[in-house]
Each structure stands twice: as structure tokens, then as C-alpha cells.
Protein backbone atom coordinates (compact mmCIF):
# COMPACT_ATOMS: atom_id res chain seq x y z
CA MET A 1 64.43 140.00 54.48
CA LYS A 2 62.34 136.82 54.96
CA TYR A 3 64.02 134.00 56.68
CA ASP A 4 64.27 130.71 54.68
CA TRP A 5 62.87 127.89 57.05
CA SER A 6 63.62 125.52 54.21
CA GLN A 7 67.54 125.22 54.53
CA PHE A 8 70.57 126.20 56.71
CA THR A 9 74.31 126.04 56.10
CA GLN A 10 76.95 125.77 58.63
CA LYS A 11 80.51 125.78 58.13
CA ILE A 12 83.72 124.75 60.09
CA ASN A 13 87.76 125.07 59.63
CA ILE A 14 89.20 121.52 60.75
CA ASN A 15 92.97 121.50 61.06
CA ALA A 16 92.79 117.96 58.87
CA SER A 17 93.33 117.19 55.24
CA VAL A 18 90.15 116.80 53.10
CA GLU A 19 90.94 113.18 52.73
CA GLN A 20 91.00 112.60 56.48
CA VAL A 21 87.38 114.77 56.95
CA TYR A 22 86.23 112.93 53.73
CA ARG A 23 86.72 109.41 55.18
CA ALA A 24 85.37 110.64 58.83
CA TRP A 25 81.92 110.88 57.06
CA THR A 26 81.92 107.79 54.91
CA SER A 27 82.51 104.79 56.65
CA ALA A 28 80.26 102.98 59.74
CA ASN A 29 83.66 102.64 61.41
CA HIS A 30 84.65 106.51 61.37
CA LEU A 31 80.88 107.68 61.93
CA GLU A 32 80.66 105.80 65.17
CA GLN A 33 84.07 107.83 66.50
CA TRP A 34 82.49 111.03 66.51
CA LEU A 35 78.50 111.19 64.99
CA VAL A 36 76.58 108.30 65.66
CA ARG A 37 76.57 105.13 68.15
CA GLN A 38 75.93 102.88 65.40
CA ALA A 39 75.90 102.86 61.74
CA VAL A 40 74.85 100.27 59.32
CA PHE A 41 75.45 100.52 55.46
CA LYS A 42 73.98 98.29 52.87
CA ASP A 43 75.16 98.15 49.46
CA ASP A 44 72.17 98.93 47.13
CA GLY A 45 69.97 98.38 50.34
CA THR A 46 70.53 94.61 50.37
CA LYS A 47 73.90 93.68 51.43
CA LEU A 48 75.39 94.66 54.79
CA LYS A 49 78.60 96.76 54.03
CA SER A 50 81.83 96.19 56.39
CA SER A 51 82.51 98.76 58.96
CA ASN A 52 85.59 99.94 57.17
CA ASP A 53 84.11 99.91 53.45
CA PRO A 54 83.47 103.28 52.26
CA VAL A 55 80.11 104.57 51.14
CA HIS A 56 78.94 104.56 47.74
CA SER A 57 75.83 106.60 45.85
CA GLY A 58 72.80 104.32 46.37
CA ASP A 59 73.76 102.73 49.66
CA THR A 60 71.41 102.94 52.16
CA TYR A 61 71.95 103.30 55.97
CA GLU A 62 70.58 102.83 59.68
CA TRP A 63 72.10 105.36 62.43
CA LEU A 64 71.19 104.67 66.22
CA TRP A 65 72.16 107.92 68.43
CA HIS A 66 73.50 108.28 71.72
CA GLY A 67 70.88 109.53 74.02
CA HIS A 68 67.98 107.64 72.37
CA GLY A 69 66.93 104.04 72.65
CA ASP A 70 67.20 101.43 69.80
CA LYS A 71 63.52 102.01 68.70
CA HIS A 72 64.94 105.73 67.33
CA VAL A 73 66.39 104.79 64.28
CA ASP A 74 67.44 107.52 61.39
CA LYS A 75 67.14 105.60 57.77
CA GLY A 76 68.10 107.13 54.71
CA LYS A 77 70.03 106.71 51.28
CA VAL A 78 73.30 107.97 50.30
CA LEU A 79 72.67 110.12 47.18
CA VAL A 80 76.23 111.57 46.04
CA ALA A 81 79.62 110.23 47.49
CA ASN A 82 82.32 111.13 44.88
CA GLY A 83 85.28 109.41 46.85
CA HIS A 84 87.08 113.12 47.50
CA ASP A 85 85.07 115.85 48.89
CA LYS A 86 81.35 115.90 48.33
CA LEU A 87 78.71 113.53 50.41
CA GLN A 88 74.89 113.99 49.90
CA PHE A 89 72.15 111.83 51.99
CA SER A 90 68.67 111.91 52.71
CA PHE A 91 67.89 112.60 56.36
CA THR A 92 64.89 111.67 57.98
CA LYS A 93 62.00 113.82 57.01
CA GLY A 94 64.22 117.04 57.35
CA GLY A 95 65.24 116.83 53.63
CA PHE A 96 68.78 116.01 52.67
CA VAL A 97 72.15 116.71 53.64
CA THR A 98 74.95 117.81 51.54
CA ILE A 99 78.80 117.76 52.66
CA GLN A 100 81.39 119.67 50.77
CA ILE A 101 84.90 119.75 51.95
CA GLY A 102 87.64 121.81 50.53
CA GLU A 103 90.54 124.22 51.22
CA VAL A 104 90.36 127.78 51.40
CA MET A 105 93.71 129.95 51.99
CA GLY A 106 94.96 126.99 53.52
CA GLU A 107 92.56 125.82 55.55
CA THR A 108 90.22 122.72 55.23
CA ILE A 109 86.68 124.09 55.20
CA VAL A 110 83.58 121.76 55.77
CA MET A 111 80.36 123.12 54.78
CA LEU A 112 77.17 121.36 55.69
CA THR A 113 73.85 122.12 54.33
CA GLN A 114 70.58 120.63 55.06
CA GLU A 115 67.88 121.42 52.49
CA LYS A 116 64.14 120.72 51.61
CA ILE A 117 63.17 121.05 55.25
CA PRO A 118 59.44 121.13 55.87
CA THR A 119 58.09 124.53 56.46
CA ASP A 120 55.28 123.70 58.77
CA GLU A 121 55.51 124.27 62.42
CA HIS A 122 56.89 121.01 62.98
CA GLY A 123 59.40 121.08 60.44
CA LYS A 124 60.64 124.57 61.46
CA VAL A 125 60.97 123.46 65.01
CA THR A 126 62.15 119.75 64.60
CA TYR A 127 64.19 119.86 61.49
CA HIS A 128 65.33 123.24 61.28
CA ILE A 129 66.18 124.58 64.62
CA GLY A 130 66.70 121.02 65.83
CA GLY A 131 68.87 120.26 63.09
CA LEU A 132 70.95 123.69 62.96
CA THR A 133 71.67 122.76 66.69
CA GLY A 134 72.29 119.28 66.29
CA TRP A 135 74.44 119.65 63.33
CA THR A 136 76.45 122.76 64.97
CA PHE A 137 77.23 120.38 68.01
CA TYR A 138 78.45 117.56 65.61
CA LEU A 139 80.73 119.69 63.35
CA CYS A 140 82.18 120.82 66.46
CA ASN A 141 83.14 117.33 67.63
CA LEU A 142 84.26 116.23 64.23
CA LYS A 143 86.80 119.03 64.66
CA SER A 144 87.55 117.93 68.34
CA TYR A 145 87.90 114.35 67.43
CA LEU A 146 90.15 114.94 64.33
CA GLU A 147 92.27 117.60 65.56
CA GLY A 148 92.88 116.40 69.22
CA GLY A 149 91.29 112.77 69.44
CA ILE A 150 88.43 114.03 71.79
CA ASP A 151 85.06 112.83 71.58
CA LEU A 152 82.53 115.34 73.06
CA ARG A 153 79.49 113.29 72.94
CA ASN A 154 77.15 112.37 75.96
CA LYS A 155 77.07 108.54 76.06
CA ASN A 156 75.36 108.15 79.36
CA SER A 157 71.85 107.33 78.65
CA MET A 158 70.46 108.53 81.86
CA PHE A 159 70.96 111.94 80.60
CA ALA A 160 68.46 112.83 77.70
CA ASN A 161 68.08 116.20 75.89
CA LEU A 162 71.61 117.25 76.35
CA VAL A 163 73.33 119.34 73.57
CA ASN A 164 76.07 116.58 73.13
CA ALA A 165 73.67 113.58 72.85
């Protein structure tokens, strides 16, 4: 069997409602609690949204990360935000990310898929391996944050290249 470098999927169960998990992904205020250092969303790419406003399809974003300076800004577009259980956004040059949230046997399951990853050597290392590693940590951090209120991210800029920054 040949490995598919163009995509990966990670799943995690979280002891929170589908609505709580969806909300954690869909506003700047919530994303800053467990994912990014700063999130800015614009309506149709022009009007700045309030940090508590939920994102909608067509919105654009700019994200700053802990462990990276202000010059490292990830920019993208929200492709799908259905208001309940699905979010999809473009993500760097590594394709796009789809978040699906649902209940399976009484458990809330979050499934993250990153697709359309370039399959050249840079894409394999940076977007596939790097993305898989990063999203694994951030899904665990989302679980930690929603279940216990603990944010596992390193926020000390003196330390670089940590799995939690």
C-alpha cells in the first residue's frame, strides 16, 4: 500500500457538547484560548469582526501563533461554517482543513482532515509531517481546555521548536 502524502485525518473524543466544540473553533476569542496567540477575522475580507462574533463562510482570517514572531502570520479563508458541526478553511500553502464534529456512541468526536497537501519534499515535511504533529497537539490541547480548563501551550517566546508552541 502506498502512503498518501496529500492528506491526513486525526480524531479525538472530547467530553463536551458538539455545540461547545464548534464554538471553540469559530470565534477569535475562543481560538485564542487554546489554538492561536491572536486571531483576527474579517467579514468578506474587509470589515473587522468582533472577537466574539462567530465566523461565516467567506470570512478571512489572520492568525499569530505562540512560539513565532509577529512576522509569521497565517492568512486564509473560511470556506464552510455551517453553524453546527462543520468548519472548513484554507490553511497556509498546505491545502485546506475540515473540522467535523459529531456524536458516536454517546461521545463527541472531532475529526480534523487536512487535504490538498503538496506532495513535493517541502510539502511532505512542512505541511504533512509538520501539520500532523501540530494538529495532534492542538486537538489534545482543545480536549484539555474544554474538559479541564488547562491550556498546554508554551507561551514563553524564549523557547522555540517545542511541540506545544
